Structure formats: structure tokens, C-alpha cells
PDB file of N, CA and C in Angstrom:
ATOM      1  N   UNK A   1      24.429  34.572  -0.168  1.00  0.00           N
ATOM      2  CA  UNK A   1      23.826  33.907   0.969  1.00  0.00           C
ATOM      3  C   UNK A   1      24.752  32.759   1.366  1.00  0.00           C
ATOM      4  N   UNK A   2      25.047  32.703   2.632  1.00  0.00           N
ATOM      5  CA  UNK A   2      25.938  31.644   3.115  1.00  0.00           C
ATOM      6  C   UNK A   2      25.180  30.329   3.188  1.00  0.00           C
ATOM      7  N   UNK A   3      25.935  29.246   3.244  1.00  0.00           N
ATOM      8  CA  UNK A   3      25.308  27.927   3.320  1.00  0.00           C
ATOM      9  C   UNK A   3      24.524  27.777   4.617  1.00  0.00           C
ATOM     10  N   UNK A   4      24.982  28.426   5.694  1.00  0.00           N
ATOM     11  CA  UNK A   4      24.249  28.361   6.959  1.00  0.00           C
ATOM     12  C   UNK A   4      22.920  29.094   6.845  1.00  0.00           C
ATOM     13  N   UNK A   5      22.915  30.247   6.173  1.00  0.00           N
ATOM     14  CA  UNK A   5      21.674  30.991   5.976  1.00  0.00           C
ATOM     15  C   UNK A   5      20.715  30.198   5.083  1.00  0.00           C
ATOM     16  N   UNK A   6      21.249  29.583   4.049  1.00  0.00           N
ATOM     17  CA  UNK A   6      20.428  28.781   3.154  1.00  0.00           C
ATOM     18  C   UNK A   6      19.814  27.596   3.889  1.00  0.00           C
ATOM     19  N   UNK A   7      20.602  26.925   4.716  1.00  0.00           N
ATOM     20  CA  UNK A   7      20.106  25.803   5.500  1.00  0.00           C
ATOM     21  C   UNK A   7      19.019  26.264   6.461  1.00  0.00           C
ATOM     22  N   UNK A   8      19.214  27.401   7.096  1.00  0.00           N
ATOM     23  CA  UNK A   8      18.219  27.950   8.018  1.00  0.00           C
ATOM     24  C   UNK A   8      16.918  28.249   7.276  1.00  0.00           C
ATOM     25  N   UNK A   9      17.028  28.842   6.088  1.00  0.00           N
ATOM     26  CA  UNK A   9      15.847  29.152   5.293  1.00  0.00           C
ATOM     27  C   UNK A   9      15.105  27.878   4.896  1.00  0.00           C
ATOM     28  N   UNK A  10      15.817  26.864   4.468  1.00  0.00           N
ATOM     29  CA  UNK A  10      15.202  25.598   4.077  1.00  0.00           C
ATOM     30  C   UNK A  10      14.486  24.966   5.264  1.00  0.00           C
ATOM     31  N   UNK A  11      15.116  24.998   6.433  1.00  0.00           N
ATOM     32  CA  UNK A  11      14.496  24.424   7.631  1.00  0.00           C
ATOM     33  C   UNK A  11      13.251  25.195   8.027  1.00  0.00           C
ATOM     34  N   UNK A  12      13.278  26.509   7.916  1.00  0.00           N
ATOM     35  CA  UNK A  12      12.107  27.316   8.253  1.00  0.00           C
ATOM     36  C   UNK A  12      10.950  27.025   7.303  1.00  0.00           C
ATOM     37  N   UNK A  13      11.234  26.971   6.013  1.00  0.00           N
ATOM     38  CA  UNK A  13      10.197  26.709   5.025  1.00  0.00           C
ATOM     39  C   UNK A  13       9.618  25.311   5.196  1.00  0.00           C
ATOM     40  N   UNK A  14      10.445  24.354   5.528  1.00  0.00           N
ATOM     41  CA  UNK A  14       9.957  22.979   5.651  1.00  0.00           C
ATOM     42  C   UNK A  14       9.100  22.763   6.887  1.00  0.00           C
ATOM     43  N   UNK A  15       9.136  23.686   7.846  1.00  0.00           N
ATOM     44  CA  UNK A  15       8.322  23.516   9.049  1.00  0.00           C
ATOM     45  C   UNK A  15       7.025  24.310   8.996  1.00  0.00           C
ATOM     46  N   UNK A  16       6.818  25.088   7.947  1.00  0.00           N
ATOM     47  CA  UNK A  16       5.591  25.861   7.810  1.00  0.00           C
ATOM     48  C   UNK A  16       4.474  24.914   7.408  1.00  0.00           C
ATOM     49  N   UNK A  17       3.382  24.991   8.122  1.00  0.00           N
ATOM     50  CA  UNK A  17       2.235  24.128   7.808  1.00  0.00           C
ATOM     51  C   UNK A  17       1.537  24.660   6.564  1.00  0.00           C
ATOM     52  N   UNK A  18       1.373  23.806   5.598  1.00  0.00           N
ATOM     53  CA  UNK A  18       0.671  24.168   4.380  1.00  0.00           C
ATOM     54  C   UNK A  18      -0.687  23.489   4.437  1.00  0.00           C
ATOM     55  N   UNK A  19      -1.764  24.289   4.384  1.00  0.00           N
ATOM     56  CA  UNK A  19      -3.084  23.668   4.481  1.00  0.00           C
ATOM     57  C   UNK A  19      -3.348  22.767   3.287  1.00  0.00           C
ATOM     58  N   UNK A  20      -3.962  21.646   3.579  1.00  0.00           N
ATOM     59  CA  UNK A  20      -4.318  20.701   2.536  1.00  0.00           C
ATOM     60  C   UNK A  20      -5.810  20.823   2.301  1.00  0.00           C
ATOM     61  N   UNK A  21      -6.161  21.122   1.081  1.00  0.00           N
ATOM     62  CA  UNK A  21      -7.568  21.254   0.731  1.00  0.00           C
ATOM     63  C   UNK A  21      -8.031  19.916   0.175  1.00  0.00           C
ATOM     64  N   UNK A  22      -9.050  19.376   0.796  1.00  0.00           N
ATOM     65  CA  UNK A  22      -9.601  18.124   0.296  1.00  0.00           C
ATOM     66  C   UNK A  22     -10.934  18.409  -0.353  1.00  0.00           C
ATOM     67  N   UNK A  23     -11.199  17.717  -1.400  1.00  0.00           N
ATOM     68  CA  UNK A  23     -12.443  17.889  -2.134  1.00  0.00           C
ATOM     69  C   UNK A  23     -13.389  16.778  -1.702  1.00  0.00           C
ATOM     70  N   UNK A  24     -14.318  17.143  -0.871  1.00  0.00           N
ATOM     71  CA  UNK A  24     -15.289  16.146  -0.429  1.00  0.00           C
ATOM     72  C   UNK A  24     -16.439  16.142  -1.424  1.00  0.00           C
ATOM     73  N   UNK A  25     -16.825  14.962  -1.832  1.00  0.00           N
ATOM     74  CA  UNK A  25     -17.839  14.819  -2.863  1.00  0.00           C
ATOM     75  C   UNK A  25     -18.752  13.659  -2.517  1.00  0.00           C
ATOM     76  N   UNK A  26     -20.025  13.853  -2.729  1.00  0.00           N
ATOM     77  CA  UNK A  26     -21.018  12.828  -2.463  1.00  0.00           C
ATOM     78  C   UNK A  26     -21.802  12.541  -3.740  1.00  0.00           C
ATOM     79  N   UNK A  27     -22.334  11.330  -3.818  1.00  0.00           N
ATOM     80  CA  UNK A  27     -23.211  10.917  -4.918  1.00  0.00           C
ATOM     81  C   UNK A  27     -24.646  10.948  -4.404  1.00  0.00           C
ATOM     82  N   UNK A  28     -25.522  11.508  -5.203  1.00  0.00           N
ATOM     83  CA  UNK A  28     -26.930  11.626  -4.812  1.00  0.00           C
ATOM     84  C   UNK A  28     -27.818  11.244  -5.996  1.00  0.00           C
ATOM     85  N   UNK A  29     -29.066  10.993  -5.681  1.00  0.00           N
ATOM     86  CA  UNK A  29     -30.055  10.782  -6.734  1.00  0.00           C
ATOM     87  C   UNK A  29     -30.335  12.115  -7.413  1.00  0.00           C
ATOM     88  N   UNK A  30     -30.514  12.067  -8.701  1.00  0.00           N
ATOM     89  CA  UNK A  30     -30.812  13.266  -9.459  1.00  0.00           C
ATOM     90  C   UNK A  30     -32.281  13.638  -9.242  1.00  0.00           C
ATOM     91  N   UNK A  31     -32.551  14.902  -8.939  1.00  0.00           N
ATOM     92  CA  UNK A  31     -33.953  15.322  -8.808  1.00  0.00           C
ATOM     93  C   UNK A  31     -34.732  14.974 -10.071  1.00  0.00           C
ATOM     94  N   UNK A  32     -35.959  14.541  -9.880  1.00  0.00           N
ATOM     95  CA  UNK A  32     -36.803  14.178 -11.006  1.00  0.00           C
ATOM     96  C   UNK A  32     -36.726  12.715 -11.408  1.00  0.00           C
ATOM     97  N   UNK A  33     -35.877  11.949 -10.728  1.00  0.00           N
ATOM     98  CA  UNK A  33     -35.767  10.519 -11.015  1.00  0.00           C
ATOM     99  C   UNK A  33     -37.067   9.831 -10.591  1.00  0.00           C
ATOM    100  N   UNK A  34     -37.555   8.930 -11.407  1.00  0.00           N
ATOM    101  CA  UNK A  34     -38.822   8.249 -11.106  1.00  0.00           C
ATOM    102  C   UNK A  34     -38.686   7.382  -9.854  1.00  0.00           C
ATOM    103  N   UNK A  35     -39.818   7.169  -9.199  1.00  0.00           N
ATOM    104  CA  UNK A  35     -39.832   6.307  -8.018  1.00  0.00           C
ATOM    105  C   UNK A  35     -39.354   4.893  -8.367  1.00  0.00           C
ATOM    106  N   UNK A  36     -39.716   4.415  -9.531  1.00  0.00           N
ATOM    107  CA  UNK A  36     -39.299   3.076  -9.951  1.00  0.00           C
ATOM    108  C   UNK A  36     -37.777   2.984 -10.049  1.00  0.00           C
ATOM    109  N   UNK A  37     -37.149   4.010 -10.630  1.00  0.00           N
ATOM    110  CA  UNK A  37     -35.699   3.998 -10.766  1.00  0.00           C
ATOM    111  C   UNK A  37     -35.025   4.177  -9.404  1.00  0.00           C
ATOM    112  N   UNK A  38     -35.584   5.024  -8.539  1.00  0.00           N
ATOM    113  CA  UNK A  38     -35.027   5.191  -7.192  1.00  0.00           C
ATOM    114  C   UNK A  38     -35.031   3.857  -6.452  1.00  0.00           C
ATOM    115  N   UNK A  39     -36.153   3.121  -6.546  1.00  0.00           N
ATOM    116  CA  UNK A  39     -36.236   1.820  -5.891  1.00  0.00           C
ATOM    117  C   UNK A  39     -35.249   0.851  -6.505  1.00  0.00           C
ATOM    118  N   UNK A  40     -35.085   0.896  -7.822  1.00  0.00           N
ATOM    119  CA  UNK A  40     -34.111   0.026  -8.485  1.00  0.00           C
ATOM    120  C   UNK A  40     -32.690   0.348  -8.011  1.00  0.00           C
ATOM    121  N   UNK A  41     -32.400   1.620  -7.789  1.00  0.00           N
ATOM    122  CA  UNK A  41     -31.076   2.014  -7.300  1.00  0.00           C
ATOM    123  C   UNK A  41     -30.854   1.498  -5.875  1.00  0.00           C
ATOM    124  N   UNK A  42     -31.883   1.565  -5.047  1.00  0.00           N
ATOM    125  CA  UNK A  42     -31.796   1.027  -3.678  1.00  0.00           C
ATOM    126  C   UNK A  42     -31.555  -0.476  -3.740  1.00  0.00           C
ATOM    127  N   UNK A  43     -32.347  -1.160  -4.542  1.00  0.00           N
ATOM    128  CA  UNK A  43     -32.217  -2.615  -4.658  1.00  0.00           C
ATOM    129  C   UNK A  43     -30.822  -2.999  -5.137  1.00  0.00           C
ATOM    130  N   UNK A  44     -30.305  -2.271  -6.121  1.00  0.00           N
ATOM    131  CA  UNK A  44     -28.981  -2.560  -6.654  1.00  0.00           C
ATOM    132  C   UNK A  44     -27.911  -2.370  -5.587  1.00  0.00           C
ATOM    133  N   UNK A  45     -27.930  -1.223  -4.933  1.00  0.00           N
ATOM    134  CA  UNK A  45     -26.915  -0.947  -3.911  1.00  0.00           C
ATOM    135  C   UNK A  45     -26.969  -1.930  -2.760  1.00  0.00           C
ATOM    136  N   UNK A  46     -28.179  -2.203  -2.281  1.00  0.00           N
ATOM    137  CA  UNK A  46     -28.335  -3.103  -1.136  1.00  0.00           C
ATOM    138  C   UNK A  46     -27.935  -4.536  -1.471  1.00  0.00           C
ATOM    139  N   UNK A  47     -28.031  -4.920  -2.739  1.00  0.00           N
ATOM    140  CA  UNK A  47     -27.634  -6.277  -3.119  1.00  0.00           C
ATOM    141  C   UNK A  47     -26.180  -6.334  -3.597  1.00  0.00           C
ATOM    142  N   UNK A  48     -25.491  -5.199  -3.552  1.00  0.00           N
ATOM    143  CA  UNK A  48     -24.098  -5.150  -3.997  1.00  0.00           C
ATOM    144  C   UNK A  48     -23.177  -4.552  -2.944  1.00  0.00           C
ATOM    145  N   UNK A  49     -23.380  -4.972  -1.707  1.00  0.00           N
ATOM    146  CA  UNK A  49     -22.423  -4.651  -0.655  1.00  0.00           C
ATOM    147  C   UNK A  49     -22.726  -3.469   0.238  1.00  0.00           C
ATOM    148  N   UNK A  50     -23.763  -2.703  -0.060  1.00  0.00           N
ATOM    149  CA  UNK A  50     -24.087  -1.553   0.789  1.00  0.00           C
ATOM    150  C   UNK A  50     -24.873  -2.023   2.006  1.00  0.00           C
ATOM    151  N   UNK A  51     -24.481  -1.542   3.176  1.00  0.00           N
ATOM    152  CA  UNK A  51     -25.229  -1.820   4.405  1.00  0.00           C
ATOM    153  C   UNK A  51     -26.456  -0.914   4.404  1.00  0.00           C
ATOM    154  N   UNK A  52     -27.601  -1.483   4.196  1.00  0.00           N
ATOM    155  CA  UNK A  52     -28.825  -0.700   4.079  1.00  0.00           C
ATOM    156  C   UNK A  52     -29.635  -0.616   5.371  1.00  0.00           C
ATOM    157  N   UNK A  53     -29.076  -1.106   6.468  1.00  0.00           N
ATOM    158  CA  UNK A  53     -29.810  -1.011   7.741  1.00  0.00           C
ATOM    159  C   UNK A  53     -30.081   0.433   8.162  1.00  0.00           C
ATOM    160  N   UNK A  54     -29.241   1.414   7.819  1.00  0.00           N
ATOM    161  CA  UNK A  54     -29.571   2.786   8.229  1.00  0.00           C
ATOM    162  C   UNK A  54     -30.862   3.333   7.614  1.00  0.00           C
ATOM    163  N   UNK A  55     -31.309   2.801   6.473  1.00  0.00           N
ATOM    164  CA  UNK A  55     -32.544   3.326   5.870  1.00  0.00           C
ATOM    165  C   UNK A  55     -33.769   2.491   6.241  1.00  0.00           C
ATOM    166  N   UNK A  56     -33.570   1.492   7.094  1.00  0.00           N
ATOM    167  CA  UNK A  56     -34.684   0.679   7.569  1.00  0.00           C
ATOM    168  C   UNK A  56     -35.355   1.381   8.750  1.00  0.00           C
ATOM    169  N   UNK A  57     -36.632   1.047   9.049  1.00  0.00           N
ATOM    170  CA  UNK A  57     -37.303   1.666  10.203  1.00  0.00           C
ATOM    171  C   UNK A  57     -36.433   1.567  11.464  1.00  0.00           C
ATOM    172  N   UNK A  58     -36.265   2.688  12.128  1.00  0.00           N
ATOM    173  CA  UNK A  58     -35.429   2.753  13.323  1.00  0.00           C
ATOM    174  C   UNK A  58     -33.971   3.055  13.019  1.00  0.00           C
ATOM    175  N   UNK A  59     -33.584   3.025  11.747  1.00  0.00           N
ATOM    176  CA  UNK A  59     -32.201   3.304  11.359  1.00  0.00           C
ATOM    177  C   UNK A  59     -31.896   4.794  11.384  1.00  0.00           C
ATOM    178  N   UNK A  60     -30.621   5.117  11.407  1.00  0.00           N
ATOM    179  CA  UNK A  60     -30.195   6.515  11.520  1.00  0.00           C
ATOM    180  C   UNK A  60     -30.560   7.357  10.302  1.00  0.00           C
ATOM    181  N   UNK A  61     -30.845   6.718   9.176  1.00  0.00           N
ATOM    182  CA  UNK A  61     -31.195   7.460   7.952  1.00  0.00           C
ATOM    183  C   UNK A  61     -32.604   7.130   7.454  1.00  0.00           C
ATOM    184  N   UNK A  62     -33.441   6.604   8.341  1.00  0.00           N
ATOM    185  CA  UNK A  62     -34.816   6.285   7.939  1.00  0.00           C
ATOM    186  C   UNK A  62     -35.605   7.570   7.670  1.00  0.00           C
ATOM    187  N   UNK A  63     -35.364   8.595   8.456  1.00  0.00           N
ATOM    188  CA  UNK A  63     -36.042   9.888   8.264  1.00  0.00           C
ATOM    189  C   UNK A  63     -35.090  10.858   7.611  1.00  0.00           C
ATOM    190  N   UNK A  64     -35.499  11.613   6.613  1.00  0.00           N
ATOM    191  CA  UNK A  64     -36.853  11.594   6.074  1.00  0.00           C
ATOM    192  C   UNK A  64     -37.123  10.314   5.284  1.00  0.00           C
ATOM    193  N   UNK A  65     -38.328   9.811   5.460  1.00  0.00           N
ATOM    194  CA  UNK A  65     -38.729   8.535   4.874  1.00  0.00           C
ATOM    195  C   UNK A  65     -39.247   8.766   3.455  1.00  0.00           C
ATOM    196  N   UNK A  66     -38.322   9.034   2.538  1.00  0.00           N
ATOM    197  CA  UNK A  66     -38.683   9.209   1.130  1.00  0.00           C
ATOM    198  C   UNK A  66     -37.779   8.324   0.284  1.00  0.00           C
ATOM    199  N   UNK A  67     -38.293   7.901  -0.855  1.00  0.00           N
ATOM    200  CA  UNK A  67     -37.471   7.110  -1.770  1.00  0.00           C
ATOM    201  C   UNK A  67     -36.243   7.904  -2.211  1.00  0.00           C
ATOM    202  N   UNK A  68     -36.421   9.194  -2.459  1.00  0.00           N
ATOM    203  CA  UNK A  68     -35.307  10.028  -2.897  1.00  0.00           C
ATOM    204  C   UNK A  68     -34.186  10.039  -1.858  1.00  0.00           C
ATOM    205  N   UNK A  69     -34.529  10.263  -0.595  1.00  0.00           N
ATOM    206  CA  UNK A  69     -33.510  10.317   0.461  1.00  0.00           C
ATOM    207  C   UNK A  69     -32.871   8.951   0.693  1.00  0.00           C
ATOM    208  N   UNK A  70     -33.669   7.905   0.698  1.00  0.00           N
ATOM    209  CA  UNK A  70     -33.116   6.563   0.894  1.00  0.00           C
ATOM    210  C   UNK A  70     -32.214   6.176  -0.269  1.00  0.00           C
ATOM    211  N   UNK A  71     -32.660   6.461  -1.491  1.00  0.00           N
ATOM    212  CA  UNK A  71     -31.835   6.140  -2.656  1.00  0.00           C
ATOM    213  C   UNK A  71     -30.535   6.937  -2.627  1.00  0.00           C
ATOM    214  N   UNK A  72     -30.604   8.203  -2.273  1.00  0.00           N
ATOM    215  CA  UNK A  72     -29.393   9.024  -2.217  1.00  0.00           C
ATOM    216  C   UNK A  72     -28.397   8.462  -1.213  1.00  0.00           C
ATOM    217  N   UNK A  73     -28.884   8.027  -0.052  1.00  0.00           N
ATOM    218  CA  UNK A  73     -27.990   7.448   0.949  1.00  0.00           C
ATOM    219  C   UNK A  73     -27.309   6.187   0.392  1.00  0.00           C
ATOM    220  N   UNK A  74     -28.099   5.302  -0.207  1.00  0.00           N
ATOM    221  CA  UNK A  74     -27.562   4.046  -0.732  1.00  0.00           C
ATOM    222  C   UNK A  74     -26.606   4.317  -1.892  1.00  0.00           C
ATOM    223  N   UNK A  75     -26.974   5.228  -2.774  1.00  0.00           N
ATOM    224  CA  UNK A  75     -26.121   5.545  -3.921  1.00  0.00           C
ATOM    225  C   UNK A  75     -24.780   6.107  -3.466  1.00  0.00           C
ATOM    226  N   UNK A  76     -24.802   6.977  -2.463  1.00  0.00           N
ATOM    227  CA  UNK A  76     -23.542   7.522  -1.950  1.00  0.00           C
ATOM    228  C   UNK A  76     -22.707   6.438  -1.288  1.00  0.00           C
ATOM    229  N   UNK A  77     -23.350   5.567  -0.517  1.00  0.00           N
ATOM    230  CA  UNK A  77     -22.609   4.485   0.140  1.00  0.00           C
ATOM    231  C   UNK A  77     -21.966   3.577  -0.904  1.00  0.00           C
ATOM    232  N   UNK A  78     -22.686   3.303  -1.971  1.00  0.00           N
ATOM    233  CA  UNK A  78     -22.133   2.475  -3.046  1.00  0.00           C
ATOM    234  C   UNK A  78     -20.943   3.194  -3.691  1.00  0.00           C
ATOM    235  N   UNK A  79     -21.126   4.449  -4.020  1.00  0.00           N
ATOM    236  CA  UNK A  79     -20.059   5.250  -4.644  1.00  0.00           C
ATOM    237  C   UNK A  79     -18.810   5.293  -3.768  1.00  0.00           C
ATOM    238  N   UNK A  80     -18.989   5.569  -2.478  1.00  0.00           N
ATOM    239  CA  UNK A  80     -17.849   5.675  -1.565  1.00  0.00           C
ATOM    240  C   UNK A  80     -17.134   4.336  -1.419  1.00  0.00           C
ATOM    241  N   UNK A  81     -17.905   3.242  -1.387  1.00  0.00           N
ATOM    242  CA  UNK A  81     -17.301   1.924  -1.165  1.00  0.00           C
ATOM    243  C   UNK A  81     -16.724   1.305  -2.439  1.00  0.00           C
ATOM    244  N   UNK A  82     -16.941   1.953  -3.564  1.00  0.00           N
ATOM    245  CA  UNK A  82     -16.414   1.435  -4.828  1.00  0.00           C
ATOM    246  C   UNK A  82     -15.379   2.388  -5.432  1.00  0.00           C
ATOM    247  N   UNK A  83     -14.570   2.953  -4.561  1.00  0.00           N
ATOM    248  CA  UNK A  83     -13.416   3.719  -5.007  1.00  0.00           C
ATOM    249  C   UNK A  83     -13.671   5.136  -5.445  1.00  0.00           C
ATOM    250  N   UNK A  84     -14.877   5.647  -5.219  1.00  0.00           N
ATOM    251  CA  UNK A  84     -15.204   7.021  -5.576  1.00  0.00           C
ATOM    252  C   UNK A  84     -14.918   7.317  -7.044  1.00  0.00           C
ATOM    253  N   UNK A  85     -15.140   6.319  -7.890  1.00  0.00           N
ATOM    254  CA  UNK A  85     -14.945   6.547  -9.313  1.00  0.00           C
ATOM    255  C   UNK A  85     -16.271   7.003  -9.927  1.00  0.00           C
ATOM    256  N   UNK A  86     -16.168   7.782 -10.973  1.00  0.00           N
ATOM    257  CA  UNK A  86     -17.359   8.368 -11.593  1.00  0.00           C
ATOM    258  C   UNK A  86     -18.392   7.319 -11.970  1.00  0.00           C
ATOM    259  N   UNK A  87     -17.955   6.198 -12.502  1.00  0.00           N
ATOM    260  CA  UNK A  87     -18.896   5.146 -12.918  1.00  0.00           C
ATOM    261  C   UNK A  87     -19.725   4.603 -11.756  1.00  0.00           C
ATOM    262  N   UNK A  88     -19.213   4.703 -10.544  1.00  0.00           N
ATOM    263  CA  UNK A  88     -19.941   4.186  -9.379  1.00  0.00           C
ATOM    264  C   UNK A  88     -21.077   5.114  -8.947  1.00  0.00           C
ATOM    265  N   UNK A  89     -21.251   6.230  -9.651  1.00  0.00           N
ATOM    266  CA  UNK A  89     -22.365   7.138  -9.350  1.00  0.00           C
ATOM    267  C   UNK A  89     -23.276   7.327 -10.557  1.00  0.00           C
ATOM    268  N   UNK A  90     -23.144   6.501 -11.539  1.00  0.00           N
ATOM    269  CA  UNK A  90     -23.970   6.673 -12.752  1.00  0.00           C
ATOM    270  C   UNK A  90     -25.422   6.258 -12.522  1.00  0.00           C
ATOM    271  N   UNK A  91     -25.631   5.039 -12.076  1.00  0.00           N
ATOM    272  CA  UNK A  91     -26.975   4.517 -11.807  1.00  0.00           C
ATOM    273  C   UNK A  91     -27.934   4.829 -12.964  1.00  0.00           C
ATOM    274  N   UNK A  92     -27.520   4.460 -14.166  1.00  0.00           N
ATOM    275  CA  UNK A  92     -28.385   4.674 -15.330  1.00  0.00           C
ATOM    276  C   UNK A  92     -28.697   6.136 -15.567  1.00  0.00           C
ATOM    277  N   UNK A  93     -27.733   6.981 -15.342  1.00  0.00           N
ATOM    278  CA  UNK A  93     -27.852   8.441 -15.505  1.00  0.00           C
ATOM    279  C   UNK A  93     -28.782   9.090 -14.491  1.00  0.00           C
ATOM    280  N   UNK A  94     -28.967   8.450 -13.350  1.00  0.00           N
ATOM    281  CA  UNK A  94     -29.824   9.038 -12.320  1.00  0.00           C
ATOM    282  C   UNK A  94     -29.031   9.493 -11.101  1.00  0.00           C
ATOM    283  N   UNK A  95     -27.706   9.382 -11.166  1.00  0.00           N
ATOM    284  CA  UNK A  95     -26.853   9.846 -10.078  1.00  0.00           C
ATOM    285  C   UNK A  95     -26.193  11.161 -10.452  1.00  0.00           C
ATOM    286  N   UNK A  96     -25.950  11.988  -9.466  1.00  0.00           N
ATOM    287  CA  UNK A  96     -25.228  13.242  -9.696  1.00  0.00           C
ATOM    288  C   UNK A  96     -24.358  13.511  -8.474  1.00  0.00           C
ATOM    289  N   UNK A  97     -23.410  14.411  -8.634  1.00  0.00           N
ATOM    290  CA  UNK A  97     -22.481  14.731  -7.559  1.00  0.00           C
ATOM    291  C   UNK A  97     -22.869  16.030  -6.885  1.00  0.00           C
ATOM    292  N   UNK A  98     -22.571  16.091  -5.589  1.00  0.00           N
ATOM    293  CA  UNK A  98     -22.731  17.331  -4.842  1.00  0.00           C
ATOM    294  C   UNK A  98     -21.486  17.534  -3.988  1.00  0.00           C
ATOM    295  N   UNK A  99     -21.157  18.783  -3.751  1.00  0.00           N
ATOM    296  CA  UNK A  99     -20.030  19.129  -2.895  1.00  0.00           C
ATOM    297  C   UNK A  99     -20.531  19.669  -1.560  1.00  0.00           C
ATOM    298  N   UNK A 100     -21.848  19.748  -1.407  1.00  0.00           N
ATOM    299  CA  UNK A 100     -22.466  20.159  -0.141  1.00  0.00           C
ATOM    300  C   UNK A 100     -22.852  18.892   0.621  1.00  0.00           C
ATOM    301  N   UNK A 101     -22.418  18.798   1.842  1.00  0.00           N
ATOM    302  CA  UNK A 101     -22.677  17.608   2.654  1.00  0.00           C
ATOM    303  C   UNK A 101     -24.183  17.391   2.812  1.00  0.00           C
ATOM    304  N   UNK A 102     -24.713  16.277   2.309  1.00  0.00           N
ATOM    305  CA  UNK A 102     -26.140  16.005   2.423  1.00  0.00           C
ATOM    306  C   UNK A 102     -26.559  15.383   3.753  1.00  0.00           C
ATOM    307  N   UNK A 103     -25.621  15.208   4.666  1.00  0.00           N
ATOM    308  CA  UNK A 103     -25.954  14.626   5.970  1.00  0.00           C
ATOM    309  C   UNK A 103     -27.062  15.441   6.623  1.00  0.00           C
ATOM    310  N   UNK A 104     -27.891  14.731   7.410  1.00  0.00           N
ATOM    311  CA  UNK A 104     -29.046  15.383   8.028  1.00  0.00           C
ATOM    312  C   UNK A 104     -29.245  14.773   9.413  1.00  0.00           C
ATOM    313  N   UNK A 105     -28.987  15.551  10.450  1.00  0.00           N
ATOM    314  CA  UNK A 105     -29.150  15.052  11.816  1.00  0.00           C
ATOM    315  C   UNK A 105     -28.260  13.861  12.072  1.00  0.00           C
ATOM    316  N   UNK A 106     -28.876  12.732  12.461  1.00  0.00           N
ATOM    317  CA  UNK A 106     -28.085  11.529  12.775  1.00  0.00           C
ATOM    318  C   UNK A 106     -27.703  10.744  11.520  1.00  0.00           C
ATOM    319  N   UNK A 107     -28.212  11.167  10.370  1.00  0.00           N
ATOM    320  CA  UNK A 107     -27.893  10.476   9.107  1.00  0.00           C
ATOM    321  C   UNK A 107     -26.642  11.103   8.510  1.00  0.00           C
ATOM    322  N   UNK A 108     -25.543  10.364   8.598  1.00  0.00           N
ATOM    323  CA  UNK A 108     -24.251  10.854   8.118  1.00  0.00           C
ATOM    324  C   UNK A 108     -23.919  10.191   6.785  1.00  0.00           C
ATOM    325  N   UNK A 109     -23.704  11.018   5.788  1.00  0.00           N
ATOM    326  CA  UNK A 109     -23.243  10.551   4.479  1.00  0.00           C
ATOM    327  C   UNK A 109     -21.724  10.561   4.510  1.00  0.00           C
ATOM    328  N   UNK A 110     -21.121   9.399   4.394  1.00  0.00           N
ATOM    329  CA  UNK A 110     -19.662   9.299   4.497  1.00  0.00           C
ATOM    330  C   UNK A 110     -18.985   9.676   3.200  1.00  0.00           C
ATOM    331  N   UNK A 111     -17.751  10.142   3.337  1.00  0.00           N
ATOM    332  CA  UNK A 111     -16.924  10.466   2.174  1.00  0.00           C
ATOM    333  C   UNK A 111     -15.713   9.588   2.195  1.00  0.00           C
TER     334      UNK A 111
END
């Protein structure tokens, strides 16, 4: 193979788009978590930098109006804003990960 052919091959390969697969992951409340612990998780997140206005009445994530859904939103926001490290989704063993986007209507769970 001549150097010109090799250069042409290198240029062709370098211009081919290679798809990048990103692993989107969200933190959610674990099913079966007590209401008391869900509320504690909300209180913790809201007092540690999470903007909790979306889960307030009239907010984009107020509905469905359940402790589980509100806690999941806050837990994910905390996890995302704290470097997406595993420890940021522990919440006393009441957090778990999902790879399915939990967003619902106008309530967007950020990654």
C-alpha cells in the first residue's frame, strides 16, 4: 500500500461518524419505602440544594401528587446535582437506579 493510499484510508476512517452511546440513569425512590422515609428524603434534598418548587402546588411535577413521585423527583435532582455518584442515591438504602426515563408529561427528570 502506498503512502498516498494509506493517507487516504486514514482520512476516510477519521471522517466516519461513530455513534456515541450514553448511559442515561436516574435515581428514584425504591418501591415499598415508608411514607416517613419518603418525606425525610424530600426534606433532606430540599434542604441540601435541590429546587423543590416543581413539586409544590402548581409546579411542573406536582402531579401525580404522591409522596413516592415527589420523593423520586427530589432524589433524582439531588443525585444529578451531586455528581451522579452512587452515594448520592443511597438515601438510607431507599434509593435505586433506573435506566427508563421517569419523566411524566411536563415533569422532566434531568440527567
